[in-house]
Amino acid sequence: MRNAPGAERVNLDYQRVKLWAVFNFLTGVDWLRRDRVTVLLQFDLQNFTSRAFAYNFGNPFEGTHFGHPRLVNG
């Protein structure tokens, strides 16, 4: 297990993934408002620090799951 991908993100002594935190930012504004139509502009930044993390490691049924790198949507 120590040679498996992502092993550095796991505390093997406790059989748990290491603690991690993800910081996200989201903002939006109503850009155009009419009687029956509203246009919303929105910007979303997920995993602001782009730190790698594992939220499941070595599960025999599902495998290892890693978090995504920085995502930008707009």
PDB file of N, CA and C in Angstrom:
ATOM      1  N   MET A   1       0.821  -1.203   0.000  1.00  0.00           N
ATOM      2  CA  MET A   1       0.000   0.000   0.000  1.00  0.00           C
ATOM      3  C   MET A   1       0.863   1.264   0.000  1.00  0.00           C
ATOM      4  N   ARG A   2       2.044   1.183   0.578  1.00  0.00           N
ATOM      5  CA  ARG A   2       2.884   2.381   0.669  1.00  0.00           C
ATOM      6  C   ARG A   2       3.388   2.835  -0.703  1.00  0.00           C
ATOM      7  N   ASN A   3       3.378   1.957  -1.674  1.00  0.00           N
ATOM      8  CA  ASN A   3       3.828   2.305  -3.022  1.00  0.00           C
ATOM      9  C   ASN A   3       2.679   2.655  -3.951  1.00  0.00           C
ATOM     10  N   ALA A   4       1.465   2.578  -3.461  1.00  0.00           N
ATOM     11  CA  ALA A   4       0.292   2.872  -4.293  1.00  0.00           C
ATOM     12  C   ALA A   4       0.212   4.365  -4.589  1.00  0.00           C
ATOM     13  N   PRO A   5      -0.355   4.735  -5.742  1.00  0.00           N
ATOM     14  CA  PRO A   5      -0.530   6.159  -6.042  1.00  0.00           C
ATOM     15  C   PRO A   5      -1.373   6.838  -4.963  1.00  0.00           C
ATOM     16  N   GLY A   6      -0.891   7.987  -4.482  1.00  0.00           N
ATOM     17  CA  GLY A   6      -1.620   8.742  -3.467  1.00  0.00           C
ATOM     18  C   GLY A   6      -1.314   8.327  -2.045  1.00  0.00           C
ATOM     19  N   ALA A   7      -0.370   7.413  -1.830  1.00  0.00           N
ATOM     20  CA  ALA A   7      -0.067   6.932  -0.476  1.00  0.00           C
ATOM     21  C   ALA A   7       0.438   8.052   0.423  1.00  0.00           C
ATOM     22  N   GLU A   8       1.054   9.083  -0.139  1.00  0.00           N
ATOM     23  CA  GLU A   8       1.539  10.202   0.676  1.00  0.00           C
ATOM     24  C   GLU A   8       0.391  11.041   1.232  1.00  0.00           C
ATOM     25  N   ARG A   9      -0.815  10.841   0.743  1.00  0.00           N
ATOM     26  CA  ARG A   9      -1.984  11.587   1.221  1.00  0.00           C
ATOM     27  C   ARG A   9      -2.788  10.798   2.255  1.00  0.00           C
ATOM     28  N   VAL A  10      -2.191   9.699   2.743  1.00  0.00           N
ATOM     29  CA  VAL A  10      -2.899   8.800   3.661  1.00  0.00           C
ATOM     30  C   VAL A  10      -2.050   8.562   4.902  1.00  0.00           C
ATOM     31  N   ASN A  11      -2.689   8.526   6.068  1.00  0.00           N
ATOM     32  CA  ASN A  11      -2.033   8.140   7.301  1.00  0.00           C
ATOM     33  C   ASN A  11      -2.247   6.637   7.457  1.00  0.00           C
ATOM     34  N   LEU A  12      -1.269   5.856   7.047  1.00  0.00           N
ATOM     35  CA  LEU A  12      -1.421   4.401   7.037  1.00  0.00           C
ATOM     36  C   LEU A  12      -1.462   3.806   8.441  1.00  0.00           C
ATOM     37  N   ASP A  13      -0.902   4.508   9.439  1.00  0.00           N
ATOM     38  CA  ASP A  13      -0.960   4.009  10.815  1.00  0.00           C
ATOM     39  C   ASP A  13      -2.398   3.951  11.316  1.00  0.00           C
ATOM     40  N   TYR A  14      -3.202   4.945  10.944  1.00  0.00           N
ATOM     41  CA  TYR A  14      -4.599   5.001  11.376  1.00  0.00           C
ATOM     42  C   TYR A  14      -5.570   4.481  10.314  1.00  0.00           C
ATOM     43  N   GLN A  15      -5.048   4.122   9.150  1.00  0.00           N
ATOM     44  CA  GLN A  15      -5.882   3.640   8.046  1.00  0.00           C
ATOM     45  C   GLN A  15      -6.910   4.688   7.615  1.00  0.00           C
ATOM     46  N   ARG A  16      -6.517   5.950   7.615  1.00  0.00           N
ATOM     47  CA  ARG A  16      -7.404   7.053   7.249  1.00  0.00           C
ATOM     48  C   ARG A  16      -6.665   8.011   6.318  1.00  0.00           C
ATOM     49  N   VAL A  17      -7.431   8.741   5.523  1.00  0.00           N
ATOM     50  CA  VAL A  17      -6.820   9.787   4.704  1.00  0.00           C
ATOM     51  C   VAL A  17      -6.419  10.936   5.616  1.00  0.00           C
ATOM     52  N   LYS A  18      -5.375  11.672   5.215  1.00  0.00           N
ATOM     53  CA  LYS A  18      -4.937  12.832   5.990  1.00  0.00           C
ATOM     54  C   LYS A  18      -5.975  13.934   5.878  1.00  0.00           C
ATOM     55  N   LEU A  19      -6.024  14.772   6.904  1.00  0.00           N
ATOM     56  CA  LEU A  19      -6.969  15.883   6.907  1.00  0.00           C
ATOM     57  C   LEU A  19      -6.700  16.813   5.733  1.00  0.00           C
ATOM     58  N   TRP A  20      -7.755  17.367   5.180  1.00  0.00           N
ATOM     59  CA  TRP A  20      -7.637  18.298   4.067  1.00  0.00           C
ATOM     60  C   TRP A  20      -8.802  19.269   4.105  1.00  0.00           C
ATOM     61  N   ALA A  21      -8.597  20.400   3.503  1.00  0.00           N
ATOM     62  CA  ALA A  21      -9.654  21.408   3.379  1.00  0.00           C
ATOM     63  C   ALA A  21      -9.616  21.958   1.957  1.00  0.00           C
ATOM     64  N   VAL A  22     -10.777  22.228   1.425  1.00  0.00           N
ATOM     65  CA  VAL A  22     -10.894  22.784   0.080  1.00  0.00           C
ATOM     66  C   VAL A  22     -11.564  24.145   0.203  1.00  0.00           C
ATOM     67  N   PHE A  23     -10.987  25.150  -0.424  1.00  0.00           N
ATOM     68  CA  PHE A  23     -11.544  26.496  -0.400  1.00  0.00           C
ATOM     69  C   PHE A  23     -12.146  26.819  -1.759  1.00  0.00           C
ATOM     70  N   ASN A  24     -13.392  27.244  -1.744  1.00  0.00           N
ATOM     71  CA  ASN A  24     -14.119  27.578  -2.963  1.00  0.00           C
ATOM     72  C   ASN A  24     -14.586  29.024  -2.903  1.00  0.00           C
ATOM     73  N   PHE A  25     -14.802  29.616  -4.065  1.00  0.00           N
ATOM     74  CA  PHE A  25     -15.303  30.985  -4.164  1.00  0.00           C
ATOM     75  C   PHE A  25     -16.361  31.024  -5.260  1.00  0.00           C
ATOM     76  N   LEU A  26     -17.495  31.632  -4.956  1.00  0.00           N
ATOM     77  CA  LEU A  26     -18.588  31.740  -5.918  1.00  0.00           C
ATOM     78  C   LEU A  26     -19.202  33.123  -5.797  1.00  0.00           C
ATOM     79  N   THR A  27     -19.428  33.758  -6.932  1.00  0.00           N
ATOM     80  CA  THR A  27     -20.105  35.050  -6.936  1.00  0.00           C
ATOM     81  C   THR A  27     -21.015  35.115  -8.156  1.00  0.00           C
ATOM     82  N   GLY A  28     -22.039  35.915  -8.058  1.00  0.00           N
ATOM     83  CA  GLY A  28     -22.970  36.058  -9.171  1.00  0.00           C
ATOM     84  C   GLY A  28     -23.722  37.367  -9.072  1.00  0.00           C
ATOM     85  N   VAL A  29     -24.286  37.790 -10.185  1.00  0.00           N
ATOM     86  CA  VAL A  29     -25.037  39.040 -10.230  1.00  0.00           C
ATOM     87  C   VAL A  29     -26.147  38.899 -11.274  1.00  0.00           C
ATOM     88  N   ASP A  30     -27.302  39.476 -10.979  1.00  0.00           N
ATOM     89  CA  ASP A  30     -28.368  39.562 -11.982  1.00  0.00           C
ATOM     90  C   ASP A  30     -27.954  40.633 -12.980  1.00  0.00           C
ATOM     91  N   TRP A  31     -27.612  40.236 -14.198  1.00  0.00           N
ATOM     92  CA  TRP A  31     -27.090  41.169 -15.181  1.00  0.00           C
ATOM     93  C   TRP A  31     -28.205  41.884 -15.924  1.00  0.00           C
ATOM     94  N   LEU A  32     -29.258  41.178 -16.240  1.00  0.00           N
ATOM     95  CA  LEU A  32     -30.350  41.758 -17.008  1.00  0.00           C
ATOM     96  C   LEU A  32     -31.664  41.234 -16.450  1.00  0.00           C
ATOM     97  N   ARG A  33     -32.570  42.147 -16.131  1.00  0.00           N
ATOM     98  CA  ARG A  33     -33.896  41.760 -15.627  1.00  0.00           C
ATOM     99  C   ARG A  33     -34.961  42.384 -16.500  1.00  0.00           C
ATOM    100  N   ARG A  34     -35.822  41.538 -16.991  1.00  0.00           N
ATOM    101  CA  ARG A  34     -36.989  41.982 -17.753  1.00  0.00           C
ATOM    102  C   ARG A  34     -38.215  41.384 -17.094  1.00  0.00           C
ATOM    103  N   ASP A  35     -39.376  41.597 -17.690  1.00  0.00           N
ATOM    104  CA  ASP A  35     -40.618  41.104 -17.094  1.00  0.00           C
ATOM    105  C   ASP A  35     -40.582  39.603 -16.816  1.00  0.00           C
ATOM    106  N   ARG A  36     -40.159  38.824 -17.799  1.00  0.00           N
ATOM    107  CA  ARG A  36     -40.225  37.366 -17.651  1.00  0.00           C
ATOM    108  C   ARG A  36     -38.870  36.682 -17.810  1.00  0.00           C
ATOM    109  N   VAL A  37     -37.818  37.455 -18.017  1.00  0.00           N
ATOM    110  CA  VAL A  37     -36.498  36.875 -18.263  1.00  0.00           C
ATOM    111  C   VAL A  37     -35.471  37.551 -17.359  1.00  0.00           C
ATOM    112  N   THR A  38     -34.618  36.745 -16.742  1.00  0.00           N
ATOM    113  CA  THR A  38     -33.500  37.253 -15.953  1.00  0.00           C
ATOM    114  C   THR A  38     -32.233  36.562 -16.433  1.00  0.00           C
ATOM    115  N   VAL A  39     -31.180  37.338 -16.664  1.00  0.00           N
ATOM    116  CA  VAL A  39     -29.888  36.784 -17.054  1.00  0.00           C
ATOM    117  C   VAL A  39     -28.955  36.939 -15.859  1.00  0.00           C
ATOM    118  N   LEU A  40     -28.386  35.828 -15.421  1.00  0.00           N
ATOM    119  CA  LEU A  40     -27.504  35.807 -14.266  1.00  0.00           C
ATOM    120  C   LEU A  40     -26.086  35.510 -14.731  1.00  0.00           C
ATOM    121  N   LEU A  41     -25.135  36.337 -14.326  1.00  0.00           N
ATOM    122  CA  LEU A  41     -23.719  36.067 -14.572  1.00  0.00           C
ATOM    123  C   LEU A  41     -23.141  35.471 -13.296  1.00  0.00           C
ATOM    124  N   GLN A  42     -22.381  34.398 -13.453  1.00  0.00           N
ATOM    125  CA  GLN A  42     -21.873  33.699 -12.282  1.00  0.00           C
ATOM    126  C   GLN A  42     -20.444  33.249 -12.532  1.00  0.00           C
ATOM    127  N   PHE A  43     -19.604  33.322 -11.504  1.00  0.00           N
ATOM    128  CA  PHE A  43     -18.213  32.881 -11.559  1.00  0.00           C
ATOM    129  C   PHE A  43     -17.972  31.940 -10.386  1.00  0.00           C
ATOM    130  N   ASP A  44     -17.343  30.799 -10.651  1.00  0.00           N
ATOM    131  CA  ASP A  44     -17.131  29.774  -9.632  1.00  0.00           C
ATOM    132  C   ASP A  44     -15.679  29.306  -9.690  1.00  0.00           C
ATOM    133  N   LEU A  45     -15.005  29.331  -8.557  1.00  0.00           N
ATOM    134  CA  LEU A  45     -13.627  28.852  -8.443  1.00  0.00           C
ATOM    135  C   LEU A  45     -13.600  27.795  -7.346  1.00  0.00           C
ATOM    136  N   GLN A  46     -13.289  26.547  -7.709  1.00  0.00           N
ATOM    137  CA  GLN A  46     -13.269  25.444  -6.752  1.00  0.00           C
ATOM    138  C   GLN A  46     -11.836  24.975  -6.534  1.00  0.00           C
ATOM    139  N   ASN A  47     -11.543  24.585  -5.314  1.00  0.00           N
ATOM    140  CA  ASN A  47     -10.203  24.174  -4.886  1.00  0.00           C
ATOM    141  C   ASN A  47      -9.202  25.282  -5.214  1.00  0.00           C
ATOM    142  N   PHE A  48      -9.437  26.427  -4.619  1.00  0.00           N
ATOM    143  CA  PHE A  48      -8.664  27.650  -4.860  1.00  0.00           C
ATOM    144  C   PHE A  48      -7.161  27.408  -4.769  1.00  0.00           C
ATOM    145  N   THR A  49      -6.707  26.630  -3.782  1.00  0.00           N
ATOM    146  CA  THR A  49      -5.276  26.393  -3.587  1.00  0.00           C
ATOM    147  C   THR A  49      -4.724  25.307  -4.500  1.00  0.00           C
ATOM    148  N   SER A  50      -5.583  24.570  -5.168  1.00  0.00           N
ATOM    149  CA  SER A  50      -5.210  23.489  -6.087  1.00  0.00           C
ATOM    150  C   SER A  50      -4.369  22.408  -5.397  1.00  0.00           C
ATOM    151  N   ARG A  51      -4.627  22.186  -4.099  1.00  0.00           N
ATOM    152  CA  ARG A  51      -3.928  21.130  -3.364  1.00  0.00           C
ATOM    153  C   ARG A  51      -4.539  19.773  -3.695  1.00  0.00           C
ATOM    154  N   ALA A  52      -3.679  18.801  -3.887  1.00  0.00           N
ATOM    155  CA  ALA A  52      -4.149  17.439  -4.152  1.00  0.00           C
ATOM    156  C   ALA A  52      -4.609  16.807  -2.842  1.00  0.00           C
ATOM    157  N   PHE A  53      -5.658  16.006  -2.903  1.00  0.00           N
ATOM    158  CA  PHE A  53      -6.146  15.313  -1.711  1.00  0.00           C
ATOM    159  C   PHE A  53      -6.830  14.022  -2.119  1.00  0.00           C
ATOM    160  N   ALA A  54      -6.878  13.105  -1.171  1.00  0.00           N
ATOM    161  CA  ALA A  54      -7.587  11.838  -1.367  1.00  0.00           C
ATOM    162  C   ALA A  54      -8.742  11.814  -0.383  1.00  0.00           C
ATOM    163  N   TYR A  55      -9.912  11.412  -0.841  1.00  0.00           N
ATOM    164  CA  TYR A  55     -11.028  11.291   0.091  1.00  0.00           C
ATOM    165  C   TYR A  55     -11.458   9.849   0.269  1.00  0.00           C
ATOM    166  N   ASN A  56     -10.792   8.934  -0.385  1.00  0.00           N
ATOM    167  CA  ASN A  56     -11.028   7.508  -0.192  1.00  0.00           C
ATOM    168  C   ASN A  56      -9.772   6.799  -0.682  1.00  0.00           C
ATOM    169  N   PHE A  57      -9.243   5.884   0.102  1.00  0.00           N
ATOM    170  CA  PHE A  57      -7.983   5.250  -0.272  1.00  0.00           C
ATOM    171  C   PHE A  57      -8.078   3.741  -0.131  1.00  0.00           C
ATOM    172  N   GLY A  58      -7.780   3.032  -1.195  1.00  0.00           N
ATOM    173  CA  GLY A  58      -7.619   1.602  -1.155  1.00  0.00           C
ATOM    174  C   GLY A  58      -8.855   0.801  -0.824  1.00  0.00           C
ATOM    175  N   ASN A  59     -10.017   1.347  -1.044  1.00  0.00           N
ATOM    176  CA  ASN A  59     -11.239   0.602  -0.797  1.00  0.00           C
ATOM    177  C   ASN A  59     -11.307  -0.551  -1.789  1.00  0.00           C
ATOM    178  N   PRO A  60     -11.468  -1.782  -1.318  1.00  0.00           N
ATOM    179  CA  PRO A  60     -11.458  -2.911  -2.255  1.00  0.00           C
ATOM    180  C   PRO A  60     -12.642  -2.928  -3.220  1.00  0.00           C
ATOM    181  N   PHE A  61     -13.709  -2.224  -2.892  1.00  0.00           N
ATOM    182  CA  PHE A  61     -14.887  -2.233  -3.753  1.00  0.00           C
ATOM    183  C   PHE A  61     -14.922  -1.047  -4.713  1.00  0.00           C
ATOM    184  N   GLU A  62     -14.388   0.078  -4.291  1.00  0.00           N
ATOM    185  CA  GLU A  62     -14.485   1.292  -5.106  1.00  0.00           C
ATOM    186  C   GLU A  62     -13.142   1.837  -5.552  1.00  0.00           C
ATOM    187  N   GLY A  63     -12.043   1.420  -4.949  1.00  0.00           N
ATOM    188  CA  GLY A  63     -10.735   1.933  -5.315  1.00  0.00           C
ATOM    189  C   GLY A  63     -10.417   3.238  -4.609  1.00  0.00           C
ATOM    190  N   THR A  64      -9.389   3.918  -5.089  1.00  0.00           N
ATOM    191  CA  THR A  64      -8.937   5.170  -4.495  1.00  0.00           C
ATOM    192  C   THR A  64      -9.546   6.340  -5.252  1.00  0.00           C
ATOM    193  N   HIS A  65     -10.000   7.350  -4.513  1.00  0.00           N
ATOM    194  CA  HIS A  65     -10.589   8.540  -5.125  1.00  0.00           C
ATOM    195  C   HIS A  65      -9.790   9.770  -4.721  1.00  0.00           C
ATOM    196  N   PHE A  66      -9.423  10.563  -5.707  1.00  0.00           N
ATOM    197  CA  PHE A  66      -8.678  11.790  -5.478  1.00  0.00           C
ATOM    198  C   PHE A  66      -9.560  12.982  -5.798  1.00  0.00           C
ATOM    199  N   GLY A  67      -9.315  14.085  -5.100  1.00  0.00           N
ATOM    200  CA  GLY A  67     -10.044  15.313  -5.381  1.00  0.00           C
ATOM    201  C   GLY A  67      -9.527  15.973  -6.644  1.00  0.00           C
ATOM    202  N   HIS A  68     -10.334  16.813  -7.203  1.00  0.00           N
ATOM    203  CA  HIS A  68      -9.996  17.487  -8.458  1.00  0.00           C
ATOM    204  C   HIS A  68      -9.033  18.642  -8.210  1.00  0.00           C
ATOM    205  N   PRO A  69      -8.224  19.009  -9.208  1.00  0.00           N
ATOM    206  CA  PRO A  69      -7.406  20.219  -9.095  1.00  0.00           C
ATOM    207  C   PRO A  69      -8.301  21.449  -9.227  1.00  0.00           C
ATOM    208  N   ARG A  70      -7.707  22.610  -9.277  1.00  0.00           N
ATOM    209  CA  ARG A  70      -8.474  23.859  -9.379  1.00  0.00           C
ATOM    210  C   ARG A  70      -9.408  23.818 -10.586  1.00  0.00           C
ATOM    211  N   LEU A  71     -10.662  24.190 -10.352  1.00  0.00           N
ATOM    212  CA  LEU A  71     -11.667  24.268 -11.411  1.00  0.00           C
ATOM    213  C   LEU A  71     -12.193  25.694 -11.490  1.00  0.00           C
ATOM    214  N   VAL A  72     -12.302  26.211 -12.702  1.00  0.00           N
ATOM    215  CA  VAL A  72     -12.842  27.556 -12.918  1.00  0.00           C
ATOM    216  C   VAL A  72     -14.030  27.439 -13.857  1.00  0.00           C
ATOM    217  N   ASN A  73     -15.154  27.989 -13.441  1.00  0.00           N
ATOM    218  CA  ASN A  73     -16.366  28.018 -14.260  1.00  0.00           C
ATOM    219  C   ASN A  73     -16.867  29.446 -14.324  1.00  0.00           C
ATOM    220  N   GLY A  74     -17.443  29.797 -15.425  1.00  0.00           N
ATOM    221  CA  GLY A  74     -17.978  31.147 -15.518  1.00  0.00           C
ATOM    222  C   GLY A  74     -18.970  31.272 -16.640  1.00  0.00           C
TER     223      GLY A  74
END
